[in-house]
Amino acid sequence: MDTSAGPTGLAGRKEFIGLAVLALPTILVALDMSVLYLALPHLSGDLGASSVQQLWITDIYGFLVAGLLITMGNIGDRIGRKKLLMIGAAAFAVVSILAAYSTSPEMLIVMRALLGVAGSTIMPSTMALIAAMFPNPKQMSMAMGVWMGCFMGGTALGPIIGGGLLEFFWWGSVFLIGVPVMVILLVVGPKVLPEFKNPAAGKIDPASVVLSLLAILPVIYGLKQISHDGLSAVSIVAVVVGVACTITFLRRQKRIDSPLLDLTLFKNRTFSSALSMTVASGFIAGNQLFVYMYLQSVSGLSPVATALWLVPPALCTLVMIQVAPLLARRIPPGRLMAVGLVVSAIGYLLLTQLDSTGNNIPLLLTGLIIANIGMGPLAGLGAALAMQSAPWEKFGAAAGMTSTSGEFGVAMGVAVLGTVGTTLYRNTVVVDPAIPAAQAHAAGESIAGAQSVAGSLPPAESGNLLNSAYEAITSSVHGTAIGSAIIIAAAAVIAAVGLRHLPATGQQQAPAPEAAAEPDAEAADTADTAAEPAARS
């Protein structure tokens, strides 16, 4: 079925089967972002990958997914979202097999890059299809909650599944798990998924595609470099080039008839508020890095054990994602998200009570559980609000922008809070002057370096260095937790102010599909509420 006039009505059995089918690739794309970390030492040994090649193997996938989300969302609007999804799924399956049997680091880097291109078709396509299949606002909120839950579940399960596979199989198995998932999608998808596209969409502007990549990739690359190595000429130039290309890209979007990024969407305060909160929520990734380091160094857990300990907080988020749409029927979404974000900030502030003994896992889990429960309403409602505030014919573009904002938030969080945490570590750790310069430098740079150096020292000196390093990494957790709390509190203000016009969904009447067109920015609050599909959440 090719639906070009826009979706209407309540979703039925076929649409819910379609939702289940769309959940599979969503889990896989998220899983592929985290599953490789445990496999990296194994494949590096077999393929002889250098440290630089290892970075490209891990990073190139996420770079290209982030860089192409907006482009792929727009392509889906033009050629059909189901068609784009099927093309991406087929490519993902084939490239996954080639990646599993890579014979050199260079081949694996190329395969990971192609997986990123294929993966970038999946997130905006699945998101846009769900929004079109579930036009009823309450059903869309539920369906988007399932989609977000699958994405977050895949991220949490990546290290666990990767660890289990590597226990019994070779490193290529972490790539092959995607093949049966994509085969199921290719077989069942055409039967249960409708086709939606915008027949009035113009041609893709190649210059805009190139500019969008040059706007996103250098900024994300520069931010990641800052988080790893601090400020450097390369990272600064990359960010500056990205910002300059962003300005050029935005100016071009204002001039051309068929823009890749429809800037008029940002006149909708529901859409812009939802995207702003999505960016802010991504910042917590910077704290998560140091939580992982704390558990693996101070508490002495293995990577798999660390992932298992972090499952309960993730499960709390998944539960709240499903509960949030139900609560929003009685509580206005803006108020619900604002309260949740304040609760989340309190949870992160609890992490400042951790000490360097490593015996605080219950306290750490309590803080993370509270923080994740508080994030649930935003995770459960944010994407739905963004999609409902866009005209149906631009669902693909809106999905691409929503996904990109999340990726950008993570990159910003890793860079900004990563720099804060690293600086705190370097300024707190005390290294014995008697330790040789090269070893002292390594110990002063990171907790991993300190542990490596401590292994070559006499017991007394080793104990002193480790105690100092544990105190330093604990201070990093404290500092990044405070930073996370501040950012989340700012997101709470955005929710309370930017979404104050939205009533509880149980008090709303769903407007006709043609009401999806967005009013001018100057419209009054009452007109804004009536015309925005976002008010249908």
Protein backbone atom coordinates (compact mmCIF):
# COMPACT_ATOMS: atom_id res chain seq x y z
CA MET A 1 0.00 0.00 0.00
CA ASP A 2 1.35 3.42 -0.97
CA THR A 3 -0.16 6.08 1.24
CA SER A 4 0.56 9.47 -0.26
CA ALA A 5 -2.34 11.44 1.17
CA GLY A 6 -1.33 11.02 4.78
CA PRO A 7 -2.28 8.51 7.46
CA THR A 8 -5.60 8.57 9.28
CA GLY A 9 -7.54 6.56 11.86
CA LEU A 10 -6.68 4.07 14.56
CA ALA A 11 -3.97 1.47 14.11
CA GLY A 12 -5.08 -2.14 14.01
CA ARG A 13 -3.60 -5.61 14.28
CA LYS A 14 -1.46 -5.25 11.15
CA GLU A 15 0.14 -2.06 12.41
CA PHE A 16 1.03 -3.63 15.74
CA ILE A 17 2.63 -6.57 13.95
CA GLY A 18 4.52 -4.00 11.90
CA LEU A 19 5.68 -2.31 15.12
CA ALA A 20 7.09 -5.63 16.34
CA VAL A 21 8.94 -6.06 13.04
CA LEU A 22 10.35 -2.52 13.23
CA ALA A 23 11.56 -3.14 16.78
CA LEU A 24 14.09 -5.73 15.57
CA PRO A 25 16.33 -3.49 13.44
CA THR A 26 16.06 -0.70 16.02
CA ILE A 27 17.53 -3.01 18.67
CA LEU A 28 20.23 -4.09 16.23
CA VAL A 29 21.39 -0.59 15.27
CA ALA A 30 21.73 0.36 18.94
CA LEU A 31 23.40 -2.94 19.78
CA ASP A 32 25.95 -2.49 16.99
CA MET A 33 27.09 0.76 18.60
CA SER A 34 28.17 -0.97 21.82
CA VAL A 35 28.75 -4.65 21.03
CA LEU A 36 32.15 -4.09 19.43
CA TYR A 37 33.94 -2.79 22.51
CA LEU A 38 34.49 -6.24 24.03
CA ALA A 39 35.43 -7.74 20.67
CA LEU A 40 38.04 -5.09 19.89
CA PRO A 41 40.98 -6.77 21.72
CA HIS A 42 40.20 -10.09 19.98
CA LEU A 43 39.89 -8.74 16.44
CA SER A 44 42.87 -6.42 16.93
CA GLY A 45 45.04 -9.39 17.83
CA ASP A 46 43.85 -11.45 14.84
CA LEU A 47 44.02 -8.64 12.27
CA GLY A 48 47.00 -6.77 13.71
CA ALA A 49 45.15 -3.47 14.03
CA SER A 50 47.15 -0.51 15.31
CA SER A 51 45.76 1.79 18.01
CA VAL A 52 44.73 4.34 15.37
CA GLN A 53 43.03 1.65 13.30
CA GLN A 54 41.20 0.42 16.41
CA LEU A 55 39.79 3.92 16.93
CA TRP A 56 38.54 4.06 13.35
CA ILE A 57 37.02 0.58 13.63
CA THR A 58 35.00 1.65 16.66
CA ASP A 59 34.20 5.24 15.67
CA ILE A 60 33.52 5.22 11.91
CA TYR A 61 30.16 3.46 12.32
CA GLY A 62 28.76 6.05 14.71
CA PHE A 63 30.23 8.93 12.68
CA LEU A 64 28.44 7.92 9.49
CA VAL A 65 25.18 7.03 11.23
CA ALA A 66 25.12 10.50 12.80
CA GLY A 67 26.24 12.26 9.64
CA LEU A 68 23.66 10.69 7.33
CA LEU A 69 20.52 10.61 9.50
CA ILE A 70 19.09 13.86 8.13
CA THR A 71 19.92 12.90 4.53
CA MET A 72 18.38 9.45 4.85
CA GLY A 73 15.27 10.84 6.51
CA ASN A 74 14.75 13.13 3.53
CA ILE A 75 15.45 10.35 1.02
CA GLY A 76 12.79 8.27 2.78
CA ASP A 77 10.27 11.09 2.37
CA ARG A 78 10.99 11.09 -1.36
CA ILE A 79 11.39 7.44 -2.41
CA GLY A 80 9.27 5.88 0.35
CA ARG A 81 10.19 5.04 3.92
CA LYS A 82 9.56 1.30 3.57
CA LYS A 83 11.60 1.15 0.38
CA LEU A 84 14.54 2.90 2.02
CA LEU A 85 14.28 0.59 5.04
CA MET A 86 14.34 -2.51 2.84
CA ILE A 87 17.37 -1.24 0.92
CA GLY A 88 19.17 -0.44 4.16
CA ALA A 89 18.29 -3.81 5.72
CA ALA A 90 19.58 -5.75 2.71
CA ALA A 91 22.80 -3.75 2.67
CA PHE A 92 23.24 -4.18 6.43
CA ALA A 93 22.91 -7.96 6.17
CA VAL A 94 25.40 -8.31 3.31
CA VAL A 95 27.97 -5.96 4.83
CA SER A 96 27.65 -7.65 8.24
CA ILE A 97 28.77 -10.94 6.68
CA LEU A 98 31.70 -9.23 4.94
CA ALA A 99 32.67 -7.51 8.20
CA ALA A 100 32.64 -10.82 10.09
CA TYR A 101 35.12 -12.31 7.65
CA SER A 102 37.36 -9.28 7.23
CA THR A 103 40.98 -10.19 6.54
CA SER A 104 42.66 -6.89 7.38
CA PRO A 105 42.08 -3.80 9.54
CA GLU A 106 41.55 -1.71 6.42
CA MET A 107 38.82 -4.04 5.17
CA LEU A 108 37.06 -3.98 8.53
CA ILE A 109 37.19 -0.17 8.67
CA VAL A 110 35.57 0.01 5.21
CA MET A 111 32.91 -2.52 6.24
CA ARG A 112 32.16 -0.62 9.43
CA ALA A 113 31.78 2.54 7.36
CA LEU A 114 29.33 0.79 5.01
CA LEU A 115 27.45 -0.55 8.05
CA GLY A 116 27.16 3.04 9.24
CA VAL A 117 25.68 4.10 5.89
CA ALA A 118 23.20 1.20 6.01
CA GLY A 119 22.42 1.82 9.67
CA SER A 120 21.65 5.47 8.98
CA THR A 121 18.67 4.38 6.85
CA ILE A 122 17.11 2.37 9.67
CA MET A 123 16.57 4.86 12.50
CA PRO A 124 14.74 7.60 10.54
CA SER A 125 12.82 5.04 8.45
CA THR A 126 11.53 3.06 11.43
CA MET A 127 10.70 6.23 13.35
CA ALA A 128 8.88 7.82 10.41
CA LEU A 129 6.99 4.62 9.61
CA ILE A 130 5.83 4.27 13.21
CA ALA A 131 4.64 7.88 13.26
CA ALA A 132 2.71 7.31 10.03
CA MET A 133 1.28 3.92 11.08
CA PHE A 134 0.01 5.29 14.40
CA PRO A 135 -1.56 8.69 13.60
CA ASN A 136 -3.71 8.58 16.73
CA PRO A 137 -1.74 10.63 19.30
CA LYS A 138 -2.17 8.21 22.20
CA GLN A 139 -1.21 5.24 20.05
CA MET A 140 1.75 7.12 18.61
CA SER A 141 3.06 7.93 22.09
CA MET A 142 2.83 4.26 23.01
CA ALA A 143 4.47 3.09 19.78
CA MET A 144 7.27 5.65 20.06
CA GLY A 145 7.82 4.50 23.63
CA VAL A 146 8.27 0.94 22.37
CA TRP A 147 10.69 2.20 19.68
CA MET A 148 12.75 4.17 22.20
CA GLY A 149 12.71 1.26 24.64
CA CYS A 150 14.09 -1.04 21.94
CA PHE A 151 16.85 1.41 21.12
CA MET A 152 17.89 1.82 24.75
CA GLY A 153 17.55 -1.91 25.37
CA GLY A 154 19.88 -2.64 22.46
CA THR A 155 22.46 -0.24 23.84
CA ALA A 156 22.34 -1.87 27.28
CA LEU A 157 22.42 -5.41 25.90
CA GLY A 158 25.37 -4.83 23.55
CA PRO A 159 28.20 -5.54 26.01
CA ILE A 160 26.32 -8.48 27.55
CA ILE A 161 25.55 -10.15 24.22
CA GLY A 162 29.05 -9.39 22.97
CA GLY A 163 30.59 -10.96 26.06
CA GLY A 164 28.43 -14.09 25.71
CA LEU A 165 29.29 -14.56 22.04
CA LEU A 166 33.01 -14.08 22.61
CA GLU A 167 32.90 -16.71 25.33
CA PHE A 168 32.06 -19.39 22.75
CA PHE A 169 32.73 -17.98 19.25
CA TRP A 170 35.26 -15.86 17.36
CA TRP A 171 35.05 -12.07 17.10
CA GLY A 172 33.19 -12.13 13.78
CA SER A 173 30.12 -13.53 15.53
CA VAL A 174 29.29 -10.06 16.91
CA PHE A 175 28.62 -8.95 13.32
CA LEU A 176 26.69 -12.04 12.25
CA ILE A 177 23.95 -11.55 14.85
CA GLY A 178 22.54 -8.83 12.61
CA VAL A 179 22.01 -11.10 9.62
CA PRO A 180 18.97 -13.14 10.82
CA VAL A 181 17.35 -9.97 12.17
CA MET A 182 17.58 -8.28 8.78
CA VAL A 183 16.41 -11.42 6.98
CA ILE A 184 13.26 -11.45 9.13
CA LEU A 185 12.69 -7.78 8.33
CA LEU A 186 13.16 -8.38 4.59
CA VAL A 187 10.76 -11.33 4.56
CA VAL A 188 8.00 -10.03 6.86
CA GLY A 189 8.35 -6.28 6.37
CA PRO A 190 6.92 -6.02 2.83
CA LYS A 191 3.80 -7.90 3.98
CA VAL A 192 2.94 -5.86 7.07
CA LEU A 193 4.51 -2.43 6.56
CA PRO A 194 2.69 0.22 4.53
CA GLU A 195 4.52 2.61 2.24
CA PHE A 196 4.47 6.33 2.95
CA LYS A 197 6.13 9.03 0.90
CA ASN A 198 5.66 12.66 -0.02
CA PRO A 199 4.65 12.88 -3.70
CA ALA A 200 5.23 16.64 -3.69
CA ALA A 201 8.82 16.42 -2.43
CA GLY A 202 11.45 17.92 -4.70
CA LYS A 203 14.79 16.43 -5.66
CA ILE A 204 17.58 15.92 -3.15
CA ASP A 205 20.14 18.74 -3.36
CA PRO A 206 23.59 17.04 -3.58
CA ALA A 207 25.38 20.15 -2.32
CA SER A 208 23.22 20.12 0.82
CA VAL A 209 24.04 16.46 1.43
CA VAL A 210 27.77 17.19 1.24
CA LEU A 211 27.44 20.27 3.42
CA SER A 212 25.40 18.36 6.01
CA LEU A 213 28.17 15.77 6.29
CA LEU A 214 30.82 18.47 6.51
CA ALA A 215 28.74 20.20 9.18
CA ILE A 216 28.18 17.15 11.39
CA LEU A 217 31.22 14.86 10.99
CA PRO A 218 34.02 17.37 11.77
CA VAL A 219 32.19 18.64 14.85
CA ILE A 220 31.59 15.14 16.23
CA TYR A 221 35.15 14.09 15.36
CA GLY A 222 36.57 17.21 17.01
CA LEU A 223 34.48 16.73 20.14
CA LYS A 224 35.56 13.09 20.44
CA GLN A 225 39.21 14.10 20.04
CA ILE A 226 38.80 16.72 22.76
CA SER A 227 37.35 14.07 25.08
CA HIS A 228 40.26 11.70 24.36
CA ASP A 229 43.25 14.01 24.13
CA GLY A 230 42.11 17.44 25.32
CA LEU A 231 42.29 20.58 23.21
CA SER A 232 44.61 20.35 20.23
CA ALA A 233 45.09 22.10 16.92
CA VAL A 234 43.42 19.22 15.06
CA SER A 235 40.33 19.13 17.29
CA ILE A 236 39.90 22.91 17.22
CA VAL A 237 40.26 23.08 13.42
CA ALA A 238 37.76 20.24 13.03
CA VAL A 239 35.15 21.98 15.16
CA VAL A 240 35.73 25.33 13.43
CA VAL A 241 35.39 23.71 9.99
CA GLY A 242 32.21 21.98 11.11
CA VAL A 243 30.70 25.19 12.47
CA ALA A 244 31.59 27.09 9.29
CA CYS A 245 30.01 24.38 7.15
CA THR A 246 26.94 24.42 9.42
CA ILE A 247 26.47 28.14 8.81
CA THR A 248 26.91 27.64 5.05
CA PHE A 249 24.50 24.70 5.13
CA LEU A 250 21.80 26.65 6.97
CA ARG A 251 22.09 29.61 4.61
CA ARG A 252 21.67 27.30 1.64
CA GLN A 253 18.58 25.69 3.18
CA LYS A 254 16.95 29.12 3.31
CA ARG A 255 17.61 29.76 -0.40
CA ILE A 256 16.70 26.51 -2.17
CA ASP A 257 13.20 25.29 -3.01
CA SER A 258 13.61 21.74 -1.64
CA PRO A 259 15.78 22.07 1.48
CA LEU A 260 17.34 19.03 3.09
CA LEU A 261 16.63 20.60 6.49
CA ASP A 262 13.27 22.35 6.71
CA LEU A 263 14.04 25.23 9.04
CA THR A 264 10.35 26.09 9.36
CA LEU A 265 9.98 23.06 11.65
CA PHE A 266 11.95 24.95 14.28
CA LYS A 267 9.27 27.65 14.38
CA ASN A 268 7.16 25.05 16.16
CA ARG A 269 8.11 25.43 19.82
CA THR A 270 7.06 21.88 20.63
CA PHE A 271 9.46 20.52 17.99
CA SER A 272 12.33 22.83 18.97
CA SER A 273 11.80 22.19 22.69
CA ALA A 274 11.73 18.42 22.19
CA LEU A 275 14.96 18.52 20.18
CA SER A 276 16.65 20.79 22.72
CA MET A 277 15.79 18.37 25.53
CA THR A 278 17.02 15.44 23.44
CA VAL A 279 20.39 17.16 23.00
CA ALA A 280 20.55 17.90 26.73
CA SER A 281 19.67 14.32 27.69
CA GLY A 282 22.54 13.04 25.56
CA PHE A 283 24.99 14.86 27.81
CA ILE A 284 24.71 12.18 30.48
CA ALA A 285 26.85 9.92 28.26
CA GLY A 286 29.83 11.89 29.58
CA ASN A 287 29.08 10.76 33.12
CA GLN A 288 28.39 7.17 32.06
CA LEU A 289 31.95 6.84 30.78
CA PHE A 290 33.33 7.57 34.24
CA VAL A 291 30.77 5.36 35.93
CA TYR A 292 32.07 2.50 33.77
CA MET A 293 35.65 3.38 34.72
CA TYR A 294 34.74 3.56 38.40
CA LEU A 295 33.09 0.15 38.42
CA GLN A 296 35.90 -1.52 36.48
CA SER A 297 38.78 0.11 38.34
CA VAL A 298 37.73 1.10 41.86
CA SER A 299 35.18 -1.72 42.28
CA GLY A 300 37.28 -4.18 40.26
CA LEU A 301 34.47 -5.50 38.05
CA SER A 302 34.97 -7.07 34.62
CA PRO A 303 33.41 -5.38 31.57
CA VAL A 304 30.62 -7.98 31.42
CA ALA A 305 29.97 -7.75 35.16
CA THR A 306 29.83 -3.97 34.85
CA ALA A 307 27.26 -4.25 32.06
CA LEU A 308 25.19 -6.67 34.16
CA TRP A 309 25.21 -4.34 37.19
CA LEU A 310 23.93 -1.53 34.98
CA VAL A 311 20.98 -3.57 33.68
CA PRO A 312 18.62 -2.65 36.62
CA PRO A 313 18.86 1.13 35.97
CA ALA A 314 18.30 0.49 32.26
CA LEU A 315 15.25 -1.64 33.03
CA CYS A 316 13.83 1.18 35.15
CA THR A 317 14.11 3.49 32.15
CA LEU A 318 12.39 0.95 29.92
CA VAL A 319 9.50 0.62 32.38
CA MET A 320 9.10 4.39 32.70
CA ILE A 321 9.17 4.81 28.93
CA GLN A 322 6.06 2.63 28.74
CA VAL A 323 4.39 4.24 31.78
CA ALA A 324 4.99 7.85 30.71
CA PRO A 325 2.32 7.92 27.94
CA LEU A 326 -0.24 6.65 30.46
CA LEU A 327 0.70 9.33 32.99
CA ALA A 328 0.53 11.97 30.25
CA ARG A 329 -3.19 11.28 29.88
CA ARG A 330 -3.72 12.96 33.26
CA ILE A 331 -0.61 15.14 33.63
CA PRO A 332 0.44 17.69 30.97
CA PRO A 333 3.55 16.36 29.15
CA GLY A 334 5.64 19.44 29.89
CA ARG A 335 4.95 19.24 33.61
CA LEU A 336 5.50 15.47 33.66
CA MET A 337 8.87 15.72 31.91
CA ALA A 338 9.98 18.69 34.02
CA VAL A 339 9.27 16.83 37.27
CA GLY A 340 10.96 13.71 35.92
CA LEU A 341 14.07 15.65 34.95
CA VAL A 342 14.29 17.24 38.40
CA VAL A 343 14.11 13.73 39.91
CA SER A 344 16.84 12.63 37.49
CA ALA A 345 19.07 15.53 38.56
CA ILE A 346 18.64 14.46 42.20
CA GLY A 347 19.72 10.93 41.24
CA TYR A 348 22.92 12.23 39.66
CA LEU A 349 23.66 14.37 42.70
CA LEU A 350 23.56 11.19 44.79
CA LEU A 351 26.61 9.98 42.86
CA THR A 352 28.63 12.75 44.50
CA GLN A 353 28.45 10.70 47.72
CA LEU A 354 30.52 7.84 46.29
CA ASP A 355 33.92 7.25 47.88
CA SER A 356 37.08 5.61 46.56
CA THR A 357 36.78 2.35 48.49
CA GLY A 358 34.77 0.65 45.73
CA ASN A 359 32.20 -0.64 48.23
CA ASN A 360 29.48 1.80 47.15
CA ILE A 361 27.83 -0.18 44.37
CA PRO A 362 24.40 -0.10 46.12
CA LEU A 363 24.63 3.70 46.45
CA LEU A 364 25.73 4.03 42.83
CA LEU A 365 22.86 1.85 41.63
CA THR A 366 20.38 3.82 43.76
CA GLY A 367 21.52 7.08 42.21
CA LEU A 368 21.39 5.68 38.68
CA ILE A 369 17.98 4.08 39.20
CA ILE A 370 16.53 7.39 40.45
CA ALA A 371 18.21 9.24 37.57
CA ASN A 372 16.92 6.76 34.99
CA ILE A 373 13.38 6.77 36.38
CA GLY A 374 13.40 10.54 36.08
CA MET A 375 14.63 10.37 32.47
CA GLY A 376 11.79 7.99 31.55
CA PRO A 377 9.12 10.60 30.71
CA LEU A 378 11.47 12.46 28.34
CA ALA A 379 12.59 9.23 26.70
CA GLY A 380 8.99 8.04 26.42
CA LEU A 381 7.40 11.26 25.17
CA GLY A 382 10.14 13.37 23.57
CA ALA A 383 10.31 11.59 20.21
CA ALA A 384 6.52 11.37 19.93
CA LEU A 385 6.16 15.09 20.62
CA ALA A 386 8.74 15.93 17.97
CA MET A 387 7.08 13.70 15.36
CA GLN A 388 3.53 14.82 16.15
CA SER A 389 4.53 18.45 15.73
CA ALA A 390 5.71 17.84 12.14
CA PRO A 391 3.51 17.53 9.02
CA TRP A 392 3.15 13.87 8.00
CA GLU A 393 4.90 14.43 4.65
CA LYS A 394 8.02 15.53 6.55
CA PHE A 395 8.07 12.69 9.07
CA GLY A 396 11.31 11.33 7.59
CA ALA A 397 13.09 14.68 7.87
CA ALA A 398 11.74 15.17 11.40
CA ALA A 399 12.89 11.68 12.40
CA GLY A 400 16.35 12.37 11.00
CA MET A 401 16.61 15.62 12.94
CA THR A 402 15.39 13.99 16.15
CA SER A 403 17.90 11.15 15.86
CA THR A 404 20.71 13.54 14.94
CA SER A 405 20.00 15.72 17.97
CA GLY A 406 20.45 12.68 20.21
CA GLU A 407 23.75 11.75 18.55
CA PHE A 408 24.96 15.34 18.81
CA GLY A 409 24.01 15.47 22.49
CA VAL A 410 26.01 12.32 23.20
CA ALA A 411 29.03 13.72 21.35
CA MET A 412 28.77 17.00 23.25
CA GLY A 413 28.37 15.20 26.57
CA VAL A 414 31.36 12.93 25.97
CA ALA A 415 33.48 15.91 24.93
CA VAL A 416 32.43 18.45 27.56
CA LEU A 417 31.94 16.18 30.56
CA GLY A 418 34.77 13.95 29.36
CA THR A 419 37.08 16.95 29.47
CA VAL A 420 35.78 17.88 32.93
CA GLY A 421 36.30 14.35 34.24
CA THR A 422 39.74 13.97 32.69
CA THR A 423 40.87 17.34 34.03
CA LEU A 424 39.67 16.43 37.51
CA TYR A 425 41.56 13.13 37.34
CA ARG A 426 44.80 14.78 36.20
CA ASN A 427 44.58 17.49 38.85
CA THR A 428 43.74 15.06 41.66
CA VAL A 429 46.02 12.06 41.12
CA VAL A 430 49.34 12.19 42.98
CA VAL A 431 52.30 10.39 41.36
CA ASP A 432 55.49 9.70 43.31
CA PRO A 433 58.33 11.85 41.89
CA ALA A 434 60.60 8.81 42.09
CA ILE A 435 58.60 7.05 39.36
CA PRO A 436 60.31 7.34 35.92
CA ALA A 437 58.97 10.20 33.77
CA ALA A 438 57.33 8.06 31.10
CA GLN A 439 55.51 5.93 33.68
CA ALA A 440 54.56 8.99 35.72
CA HIS A 441 53.05 10.60 32.64
CA ALA A 442 50.99 7.47 31.87
CA ALA A 443 49.76 7.22 35.48
CA GLY A 444 48.82 10.89 35.52
CA GLU A 445 46.84 10.66 32.27
CA SER A 446 44.28 7.94 33.03
CA ILE A 447 43.18 5.32 35.53
CA ALA A 448 44.14 2.60 33.05
CA GLY A 449 47.65 4.05 32.85
CA ALA A 450 47.90 4.19 36.64
CA GLN A 451 46.86 0.55 36.97
CA SER A 452 49.37 -0.51 34.34
CA VAL A 453 52.20 1.40 36.03
CA ALA A 454 51.21 0.13 39.49
CA GLY A 455 51.72 -3.45 38.31
CA SER A 456 55.43 -2.78 37.85
CA LEU A 457 56.01 -1.06 41.19
CA PRO A 458 56.88 -2.47 44.63
CA PRO A 459 53.80 -3.20 46.81
CA ALA A 460 53.98 -0.03 48.93
CA GLU A 461 54.44 2.35 46.00
CA SER A 462 51.86 0.44 43.97
CA GLY A 463 49.28 0.77 46.75
CA ASN A 464 49.89 4.49 47.14
CA LEU A 465 49.52 5.13 43.41
CA LEU A 466 46.35 3.05 43.12
CA ASN A 467 44.74 4.73 46.14
CA SER A 468 45.47 8.13 44.65
CA ALA A 469 44.20 7.07 41.23
CA TYR A 470 40.98 5.67 42.75
CA GLU A 471 40.39 8.95 44.58
CA ALA A 472 41.03 10.83 41.33
CA ILE A 473 38.59 8.79 39.24
CA THR A 474 36.02 9.11 42.02
CA SER A 475 36.38 12.89 41.79
CA SER A 476 35.79 12.55 38.04
CA VAL A 477 32.51 10.76 38.73
CA HIS A 478 31.54 13.51 41.20
CA GLY A 479 32.32 16.33 38.76
CA THR A 480 30.58 14.78 35.77
CA ALA A 481 27.56 13.90 37.92
CA ILE A 482 27.23 17.54 38.97
CA GLY A 483 27.58 18.58 35.32
CA SER A 484 24.88 16.09 34.32
CA ALA A 485 22.57 17.39 37.04
CA ILE A 486 23.02 20.99 35.84
CA ILE A 487 22.31 20.10 32.20
CA ILE A 488 19.27 18.02 33.15
CA ALA A 489 17.95 20.83 35.33
CA ALA A 490 18.24 23.15 32.31
CA ALA A 491 16.26 20.61 30.27
CA ALA A 492 13.60 20.64 33.01
CA VAL A 493 13.24 24.40 32.56
CA ILE A 494 12.85 23.91 28.78
CA ALA A 495 10.14 21.32 29.40
CA ALA A 496 8.28 23.50 31.89
CA VAL A 497 8.41 26.64 29.73
CA GLY A 498 8.55 25.38 26.16
CA LEU A 499 5.77 22.80 26.57
CA ARG A 500 3.51 24.60 29.01
CA HIS A 501 0.85 25.05 26.29
CA LEU A 502 0.27 21.29 25.95
CA PRO A 503 -2.62 19.87 27.99
CA ALA A 504 -2.80 16.31 29.25
CA THR A 505 -3.52 13.95 26.36
CA GLY A 506 -6.73 12.77 28.03
CA GLN A 507 -8.12 16.30 27.65
CA GLN A 508 -7.39 16.57 23.93
CA GLN A 509 -9.27 15.89 20.74
CA ALA A 510 -7.17 14.64 17.85
CA PRO A 511 -7.29 17.12 14.97
CA ALA A 512 -7.92 16.12 11.39
CA PRO A 513 -4.84 15.02 9.41
CA GLU A 514 -4.76 18.25 7.40
CA ALA A 515 -4.15 20.13 10.66
CA ALA A 516 -0.62 18.77 10.61
CA ALA A 517 0.58 21.88 8.82
CA GLU A 518 2.33 24.07 11.34
CA PRO A 519 1.16 27.63 12.06
CA ASP A 520 3.43 30.64 11.91
CA ALA A 521 5.70 31.29 14.87
CA GLU A 522 3.74 34.41 15.66
CA ALA A 523 0.52 32.51 16.29
CA ALA A 524 -0.96 32.88 19.74
CA ASP A 525 -0.67 30.14 22.35
CA THR A 526 -4.26 29.05 21.84
CA ALA A 527 -3.89 28.67 18.09
CA ASP A 528 -0.55 26.96 18.59
CA THR A 529 -2.11 24.39 20.86
CA ALA A 530 -5.01 23.70 18.52
CA ALA A 531 -2.97 23.39 15.34
CA GLU A 532 0.08 21.52 16.55
CA PRO A 533 -0.16 17.78 16.21
CA ALA A 534 2.28 17.80 19.09
CA ALA A 535 -0.65 18.68 21.27
CA ARG A 536 -2.07 15.28 20.40
CA SER A 537 0.45 13.39 22.48
